[in-house]
Amino acid sequence: MLFPDEQQQIIWRRELDDYIRQVFFTNGDEVIIATTSSGTVWAYAREDAHRIFSRKLHTGAIIASDISQQYGILATGGEDGIFLMTNIEFGDTIYKFEEQGKWIEHIVFSPNGKYVAFAFDKMVIILNVTGEVYDTLRFSSNTISALSWHNDSTTLCIGSFGGVHLYSVRNKEKLQFLALKNAVVSLTISPDKHYVCCGTQDYQVHIWPLPYEPGSDLYMHGFPSKVKFLSWHFNGFLLATNSGKEVIVWDFSGDGPHNRAPRMMEGHNRTVKAISFQYNDDVLVSGDEGGLILFFCPLEDSVTDFVVNVDHEITTLMWSPNDRYVLVGTSVGTIVLLKCPINHKQGLRAS
């Protein structure tokens, strides 16, 4: 394991004295957004870390948030039962929804930025980028616990206790229901649309090959905790999951992960709290509750990894669109901007 000069990797850090819920890049990678437990949204310039604005959007914690990178829109949902779409640059409200007594816990923009889905209780509302309601989905049985878009922005996966619904945005119809005798806690669909995968309440990963045939389900057991974090390599052949103090990378090439030993990415000494592959490259980054951030190249025969320590529990991390930077948020309100220490496509330390 290599410990680079952390001052070379840490470009800057800012202290907000607030629990960081999520972080984002917008305006390419020029502006950095952080949503927090106080209900405040902060914006900083990536180049020199000067504060652009802070806006109090919710009376309680912001629980879920996402951005449309393409259209410069931030969507937030909170403990106050309010869902907001706001213009990032000007701060004006595009759409507001309020349901008192409900928490808005799940928000995801489609990868093309044209649609946003949010969920509360047993309902999913899908809006277009102008704030017009595109469709409303009501489910009779169980509370929605996870949302995930496919990369082509045409299919939305909706998870709950009991399984996953596949929904066609283009046709406004439910395509298929994938049954599960458990609760979904995390959810993703592979870039090639060959697999739907979820972490479950009982510490498993459940996999449905597509097109689905009854009895073709795959199960991954033995995790020490709930699998809350799932991240695909852009080619769709590798899936990274958290597993206690380790990151596990599963090989989905060919016939898939059945009877294949996964690759164990070791180096964390505390529970892993966030993982993410680059958008268009091979580097995997992970952060743990002790503040360690590790960079891996799982496709290399000999894994090269680098470590940066930011001292506090990692709550969220995000790659920049160009894969050059990693933005990190912590439980004590620290925002850290890092330079990726591994060159693209080479697995070597960046200069």
Protein backbone atom coordinates (compact mmCIF):
# COMPACT_ATOMS: atom_id res chain seq x y z
CA MET A 1 0.00 0.00 0.00
CA LEU A 2 1.32 3.40 -0.97
CA PHE A 3 0.89 6.57 1.07
CA PRO A 4 1.41 9.55 -1.26
CA ASP A 5 2.15 12.99 0.04
CA GLU A 6 -1.38 13.94 1.12
CA GLN A 7 -0.70 17.61 0.49
CA GLN A 8 -0.19 16.74 -3.17
CA GLN A 9 -3.55 14.95 -3.33
CA ILE A 10 -5.63 17.33 -1.19
CA ILE A 11 -6.31 20.43 -3.27
CA TRP A 12 -8.34 22.18 -0.59
CA ARG A 13 -10.68 21.58 2.33
CA ARG A 14 -13.45 23.63 3.93
CA GLU A 15 -15.16 23.24 7.31
CA LEU A 16 -18.94 23.74 7.45
CA ASP A 17 -19.58 22.45 10.99
CA ASP A 18 -22.53 20.49 9.62
CA TYR A 19 -23.13 16.86 8.64
CA ILE A 20 -22.56 16.56 4.88
CA ARG A 21 -25.30 14.52 3.25
CA GLN A 22 -24.20 14.60 -0.40
CA VAL A 23 -21.74 16.43 -2.63
CA PHE A 24 -21.87 17.19 -6.35
CA PHE A 25 -20.02 18.84 -9.19
CA THR A 26 -21.98 21.14 -11.49
CA ASN A 27 -21.24 23.57 -14.31
CA GLY A 28 -18.85 20.94 -15.65
CA ASP A 29 -16.55 20.63 -12.66
CA GLU A 30 -16.32 24.34 -11.89
CA VAL A 31 -18.85 24.52 -9.04
CA ILE A 32 -19.13 22.26 -6.01
CA ILE A 33 -22.43 21.70 -4.17
CA ALA A 34 -22.92 20.25 -0.67
CA THR A 35 -26.25 19.41 0.99
CA THR A 36 -26.38 19.15 4.77
CA SER A 37 -28.32 18.00 7.83
CA SER A 38 -29.21 21.57 8.76
CA GLY A 39 -31.21 21.92 5.53
CA THR A 40 -28.63 24.27 4.01
CA VAL A 41 -27.06 23.99 0.56
CA TRP A 42 -23.52 25.34 0.04
CA ALA A 43 -21.73 26.16 -3.21
CA TYR A 44 -18.00 26.67 -3.71
CA ALA A 45 -15.75 27.34 -6.68
CA ARG A 46 -13.66 24.30 -7.47
CA GLU A 47 -10.69 26.39 -8.60
CA ASP A 48 -10.05 28.44 -5.44
CA ALA A 49 -12.68 27.25 -2.90
CA HIS A 50 -14.34 30.65 -2.52
CA ARG A 51 -17.93 30.44 -1.34
CA ILE A 52 -20.50 31.23 -4.02
CA PHE A 53 -23.62 30.93 -1.86
CA SER A 54 -25.32 29.23 1.06
CA ARG A 55 -29.11 28.74 0.97
CA LYS A 56 -31.41 27.42 3.66
CA LEU A 57 -33.87 25.27 1.70
CA HIS A 58 -35.39 22.99 4.37
CA THR A 59 -36.42 23.45 7.99
CA GLY A 60 -34.99 20.03 8.92
CA ALA A 61 -32.29 17.81 7.50
CA ILE A 62 -31.92 17.30 3.77
CA ILE A 63 -32.26 13.53 3.48
CA ALA A 64 -31.93 13.05 -0.27
CA SER A 65 -30.62 15.18 -3.14
CA ASP A 66 -29.40 14.96 -6.70
CA ILE A 67 -28.48 17.30 -9.54
CA SER A 68 -29.08 17.59 -13.26
CA GLN A 69 -25.56 18.39 -14.43
CA GLN A 70 -26.84 19.18 -17.91
CA TYR A 71 -29.50 21.70 -16.84
CA GLY A 72 -28.04 23.12 -13.62
CA ILE A 73 -30.91 21.99 -11.39
CA LEU A 74 -30.72 20.75 -7.80
CA ALA A 75 -33.44 18.52 -6.33
CA THR A 76 -33.68 18.15 -2.55
CA GLY A 77 -35.99 16.37 -0.14
CA GLY A 78 -36.11 16.57 3.62
CA GLU A 79 -37.53 15.69 6.98
CA ASP A 80 -39.97 18.56 6.52
CA GLY A 81 -41.84 16.59 3.85
CA ILE A 82 -40.84 19.04 1.13
CA PHE A 83 -39.38 18.22 -2.28
CA LEU A 84 -37.78 21.12 -4.16
CA MET A 85 -36.34 21.66 -7.62
CA THR A 86 -34.23 24.81 -7.70
CA ASN A 87 -32.09 26.54 -10.27
CA ILE A 88 -28.54 26.28 -8.93
CA GLU A 89 -27.25 29.55 -10.40
CA PHE A 90 -30.15 31.84 -9.48
CA GLY A 91 -31.81 29.98 -6.61
CA ASP A 92 -35.37 30.26 -7.93
CA THR A 93 -37.81 27.43 -7.23
CA ILE A 94 -38.86 25.41 -10.29
CA TYR A 95 -41.16 23.00 -8.47
CA LYS A 96 -42.28 22.42 -4.89
CA PHE A 97 -44.15 19.48 -3.41
CA GLU A 98 -45.13 19.14 0.24
CA GLU A 99 -46.56 16.17 2.13
CA GLN A 100 -46.64 16.88 5.84
CA GLY A 101 -45.59 14.02 8.07
CA LYS A 102 -43.66 12.26 5.30
CA TRP A 103 -39.92 12.19 4.69
CA ILE A 104 -38.65 12.58 1.13
CA GLU A 105 -35.94 9.92 1.27
CA HIS A 106 -35.16 9.01 -2.36
CA ILE A 107 -34.33 11.34 -5.27
CA VAL A 108 -32.61 10.44 -8.55
CA PHE A 109 -32.16 12.38 -11.78
CA SER A 110 -32.01 10.38 -15.00
CA PRO A 111 -28.47 10.25 -16.42
CA ASN A 112 -29.49 12.57 -19.28
CA GLY A 113 -30.75 15.09 -16.71
CA LYS A 114 -34.22 15.37 -18.27
CA TYR A 115 -36.24 13.60 -15.58
CA VAL A 116 -36.17 13.39 -11.81
CA ALA A 117 -37.92 10.75 -9.71
CA PHE A 118 -38.61 11.11 -6.01
CA ALA A 119 -40.33 8.77 -3.59
CA PHE A 120 -42.12 8.90 -0.28
CA ASP A 121 -44.22 6.24 1.40
CA LYS A 122 -45.73 4.11 -1.42
CA MET A 123 -45.59 6.72 -4.18
CA VAL A 124 -43.09 7.73 -6.88
CA ILE A 125 -43.47 11.02 -8.76
CA ILE A 126 -41.54 11.62 -11.98
CA LEU A 127 -41.07 15.18 -13.28
CA ASN A 128 -39.44 16.58 -16.36
CA VAL A 129 -36.70 19.17 -16.14
CA THR A 130 -39.16 22.08 -16.33
CA GLY A 131 -40.95 20.88 -13.18
CA GLU A 132 -44.00 19.40 -14.91
CA VAL A 133 -45.31 16.12 -13.49
CA TYR A 134 -44.62 13.42 -16.10
CA ASP A 135 -46.12 10.46 -14.23
CA THR A 136 -47.23 9.39 -10.76
CA LEU A 137 -46.84 5.77 -9.64
CA ARG A 138 -48.76 4.41 -6.65
CA PHE A 139 -48.01 1.08 -5.04
CA SER A 140 -50.51 -0.66 -2.80
CA SER A 141 -48.27 -2.85 -0.68
CA ASN A 142 -44.91 -1.60 0.57
CA THR A 143 -42.95 1.60 1.16
CA ILE A 144 -40.44 2.56 -1.54
CA SER A 145 -36.89 1.95 -0.32
CA ALA A 146 -34.66 2.55 -3.37
CA LEU A 147 -34.63 4.14 -6.84
CA SER A 148 -32.14 3.66 -9.66
CA TRP A 149 -32.04 4.69 -13.34
CA HIS A 150 -30.46 2.78 -16.18
CA ASN A 151 -27.75 4.66 -18.06
CA ASP A 152 -29.98 5.18 -21.10
CA SER A 153 -32.53 7.13 -18.98
CA THR A 154 -35.45 5.01 -20.29
CA THR A 155 -35.80 2.53 -17.41
CA LEU A 156 -36.37 3.32 -13.73
CA CYS A 157 -35.93 0.60 -11.09
CA ILE A 158 -38.13 0.95 -8.00
CA GLY A 159 -37.30 -1.15 -4.92
CA SER A 160 -39.35 -1.96 -1.82
CA PHE A 161 -39.98 -4.80 0.58
CA GLY A 162 -41.01 -7.64 -1.70
CA GLY A 163 -39.04 -6.84 -4.85
CA VAL A 164 -38.22 -4.45 -7.68
CA HIS A 165 -40.49 -2.88 -10.30
CA LEU A 166 -39.05 -1.98 -13.70
CA TYR A 167 -40.74 1.08 -15.22
CA SER A 168 -40.51 2.35 -18.82
CA VAL A 169 -40.33 6.14 -18.92
CA ARG A 170 -40.84 6.22 -22.67
CA ASN A 171 -44.07 4.19 -22.54
CA LYS A 172 -45.22 5.23 -19.05
CA GLU A 173 -45.77 1.64 -18.00
CA LYS A 174 -44.56 -0.90 -15.48
CA LEU A 175 -42.55 -3.46 -17.41
CA GLN A 176 -41.89 -6.21 -14.91
CA PHE A 177 -41.87 -7.09 -11.24
CA LEU A 178 -38.90 -8.99 -9.82
CA ALA A 179 -40.01 -10.69 -6.62
CA LEU A 180 -37.94 -10.83 -3.44
CA LYS A 181 -38.86 -12.19 -0.02
CA ASN A 182 -36.94 -9.41 1.66
CA ALA A 183 -36.44 -5.65 1.76
CA VAL A 184 -34.35 -3.76 -0.79
CA VAL A 185 -31.79 -1.39 0.79
CA SER A 186 -29.74 -0.52 -2.32
CA LEU A 187 -30.42 -0.96 -6.02
CA THR A 188 -28.74 -0.79 -9.41
CA ILE A 189 -29.11 -2.03 -12.99
CA SER A 190 -26.06 -2.94 -15.06
CA PRO A 191 -24.99 -0.67 -17.94
CA ASP A 192 -25.71 -3.46 -20.43
CA LYS A 193 -29.16 -4.14 -18.87
CA HIS A 194 -28.23 -7.77 -18.25
CA TYR A 195 -28.62 -7.65 -14.45
CA VAL A 196 -30.63 -5.95 -11.72
CA CYS A 197 -28.83 -6.12 -8.37
CA CYS A 198 -29.86 -5.09 -4.88
CA GLY A 199 -28.54 -5.19 -1.35
CA THR A 200 -31.07 -6.69 1.07
CA GLN A 201 -32.09 -6.23 4.68
CA ASP A 202 -30.54 -9.57 5.66
CA TYR A 203 -26.97 -8.81 4.50
CA GLN A 204 -27.17 -10.34 1.01
CA VAL A 205 -26.88 -9.22 -2.60
CA HIS A 206 -29.71 -10.47 -4.81
CA ILE A 207 -29.25 -10.61 -8.59
CA TRP A 208 -31.86 -11.01 -11.32
CA PRO A 209 -30.44 -11.81 -14.80
CA LEU A 210 -32.36 -10.08 -17.60
CA PRO A 211 -34.44 -11.12 -19.43
CA TYR A 212 -35.59 -12.77 -16.24
CA GLU A 213 -36.61 -16.41 -16.07
CA PRO A 214 -38.05 -17.83 -12.82
CA GLY A 215 -35.39 -19.61 -10.79
CA SER A 216 -32.45 -17.85 -12.46
CA ASP A 217 -31.83 -15.61 -9.42
CA LEU A 218 -28.33 -15.39 -7.97
CA TYR A 219 -27.48 -14.75 -4.31
CA MET A 220 -24.32 -13.50 -2.65
CA HIS A 221 -24.07 -14.32 1.06
CA GLY A 222 -21.66 -13.79 3.94
CA PHE A 223 -21.57 -10.00 4.18
CA PRO A 224 -20.93 -8.69 7.73
CA SER A 225 -23.39 -5.81 7.29
CA LYS A 226 -26.02 -4.48 4.91
CA VAL A 227 -24.77 -3.85 1.38
CA LYS A 228 -25.77 -0.21 0.99
CA PHE A 229 -23.28 0.81 -1.70
CA LEU A 230 -23.16 -0.57 -5.25
CA SER A 231 -21.08 0.82 -8.11
CA TRP A 232 -20.62 -0.45 -11.68
CA HIS A 233 -17.48 -0.12 -13.76
CA PHE A 234 -18.51 1.78 -16.89
CA ASN A 235 -18.11 -1.32 -19.08
CA GLY A 236 -20.68 -3.20 -17.00
CA PHE A 237 -18.40 -6.16 -16.30
CA LEU A 238 -17.47 -5.28 -12.71
CA LEU A 239 -19.67 -4.47 -9.72
CA ALA A 240 -18.18 -3.10 -6.50
CA THR A 241 -19.97 -3.57 -3.15
CA ASN A 242 -19.18 -2.70 0.45
CA SER A 243 -18.49 -5.54 2.87
CA GLY A 244 -17.59 -4.36 6.36
CA LYS A 245 -13.98 -3.14 6.20
CA GLU A 246 -13.50 -4.37 2.63
CA VAL A 247 -14.62 -3.51 -0.87
CA ILE A 248 -15.54 -6.53 -2.98
CA VAL A 249 -15.42 -6.47 -6.78
CA TRP A 250 -17.52 -9.04 -8.64
CA ASP A 251 -16.88 -10.18 -12.22
CA PHE A 252 -20.03 -10.07 -14.38
CA SER A 253 -18.33 -10.74 -17.72
CA GLY A 254 -19.34 -13.75 -19.80
CA ASP A 255 -21.71 -15.95 -17.83
CA GLY A 256 -21.70 -13.65 -14.83
CA PRO A 257 -20.49 -13.98 -11.22
CA HIS A 258 -21.86 -17.48 -10.50
CA ASN A 259 -19.07 -19.76 -9.15
CA ARG A 260 -16.48 -16.99 -9.53
CA ALA A 261 -14.42 -15.81 -6.59
CA PRO A 262 -14.67 -12.03 -6.20
CA ARG A 263 -11.69 -9.75 -5.78
CA MET A 264 -11.16 -8.35 -2.28
CA MET A 265 -9.97 -4.75 -2.08
CA GLU A 266 -8.33 -4.49 1.35
CA GLY A 267 -6.75 -1.62 3.25
CA HIS A 268 -9.56 -0.06 5.27
CA ASN A 269 -9.44 -0.55 9.03
CA ARG A 270 -12.95 0.82 9.66
CA THR A 271 -16.34 0.17 8.05
CA VAL A 272 -16.58 1.30 4.41
CA LYS A 273 -19.14 4.12 4.02
CA ALA A 274 -18.90 5.04 0.31
CA ILE A 275 -17.59 3.55 -2.96
CA SER A 276 -17.55 4.72 -6.57
CA PHE A 277 -16.00 3.80 -9.91
CA GLN A 278 -14.94 6.57 -12.26
CA TYR A 279 -17.45 7.50 -14.95
CA ASN A 280 -15.28 6.52 -17.89
CA ASP A 281 -12.17 4.91 -16.48
CA ASP A 282 -10.90 2.10 -14.27
CA VAL A 283 -10.18 3.63 -10.85
CA LEU A 284 -12.34 2.72 -7.85
CA VAL A 285 -12.41 5.00 -4.79
CA SER A 286 -13.75 4.13 -1.33
CA GLY A 287 -14.00 5.90 2.01
CA ASP A 288 -14.52 4.61 5.55
CA GLU A 289 -15.82 5.80 8.90
CA GLY A 290 -12.28 6.54 10.11
CA GLY A 291 -11.58 8.99 7.26
CA LEU A 292 -9.38 6.79 5.05
CA ILE A 293 -9.87 7.17 1.30
CA LEU A 294 -8.43 4.41 -0.90
CA PHE A 295 -7.89 4.40 -4.66
CA PHE A 296 -7.78 1.02 -6.43
CA CYS A 297 -7.29 -0.32 -9.96
CA PRO A 298 -9.23 -3.62 -9.82
CA LEU A 299 -8.51 -4.51 -13.46
CA GLU A 300 -4.77 -4.72 -12.87
CA ASP A 301 -3.17 -8.07 -12.12
CA SER A 302 -1.37 -6.45 -9.21
CA VAL A 303 -3.69 -3.98 -7.53
CA THR A 304 -2.12 -0.57 -6.98
CA ASP A 305 -3.73 1.44 -4.21
CA PHE A 306 -3.17 4.82 -2.67
CA VAL A 307 -4.40 6.20 0.62
CA VAL A 308 -5.43 9.68 1.75
CA ASN A 309 -6.62 10.35 5.31
CA VAL A 310 -9.11 13.17 5.96
CA ASP A 311 -9.49 12.27 9.67
CA HIS A 312 -13.29 12.05 9.92
CA GLU A 313 -16.04 9.63 8.90
CA ILE A 314 -16.73 9.73 5.17
CA THR A 315 -20.42 10.25 4.45
CA THR A 316 -20.32 10.75 0.69
CA LEU A 317 -17.95 11.04 -2.24
CA MET A 318 -18.29 11.94 -5.92
CA TRP A 319 -16.06 11.88 -9.03
CA SER A 320 -15.86 14.94 -11.24
CA PRO A 321 -17.30 14.44 -14.74
CA ASN A 322 -13.77 14.33 -16.20
CA ASP A 323 -12.64 11.75 -13.58
CA ARG A 324 -9.75 13.95 -12.42
CA TYR A 325 -11.06 14.91 -8.98
CA VAL A 326 -12.87 13.33 -6.06
CA LEU A 327 -15.09 15.39 -3.81
CA VAL A 328 -15.54 14.11 -0.24
CA GLY A 329 -17.96 15.00 2.55
CA THR A 330 -17.62 14.03 6.21
CA SER A 331 -19.79 13.69 9.31
CA VAL A 332 -18.28 16.79 10.95
CA GLY A 333 -18.84 19.04 7.94
CA THR A 334 -15.51 18.87 6.16
CA ILE A 335 -15.53 19.16 2.37
CA VAL A 336 -12.33 17.90 0.75
CA LEU A 337 -11.34 18.18 -2.89
CA LEU A 338 -8.81 15.53 -3.96
CA LYS A 339 -6.79 14.98 -7.08
CA CYS A 340 -6.93 11.41 -8.37
CA PRO A 341 -3.46 9.93 -7.66
CA ILE A 342 -3.65 7.35 -10.47
CA ASN A 343 -3.22 8.18 -14.14
CA HIS A 344 -6.07 7.27 -16.44
CA LYS A 345 -5.74 3.88 -18.11
CA GLN A 346 -2.30 3.30 -16.61
CA GLY A 347 -2.63 2.49 -12.92
CA LEU A 348 0.36 4.69 -12.16
CA ARG A 349 0.74 7.51 -9.73
CA ALA A 350 -0.28 10.82 -11.23
CA SER A 351 2.34 13.52 -11.31
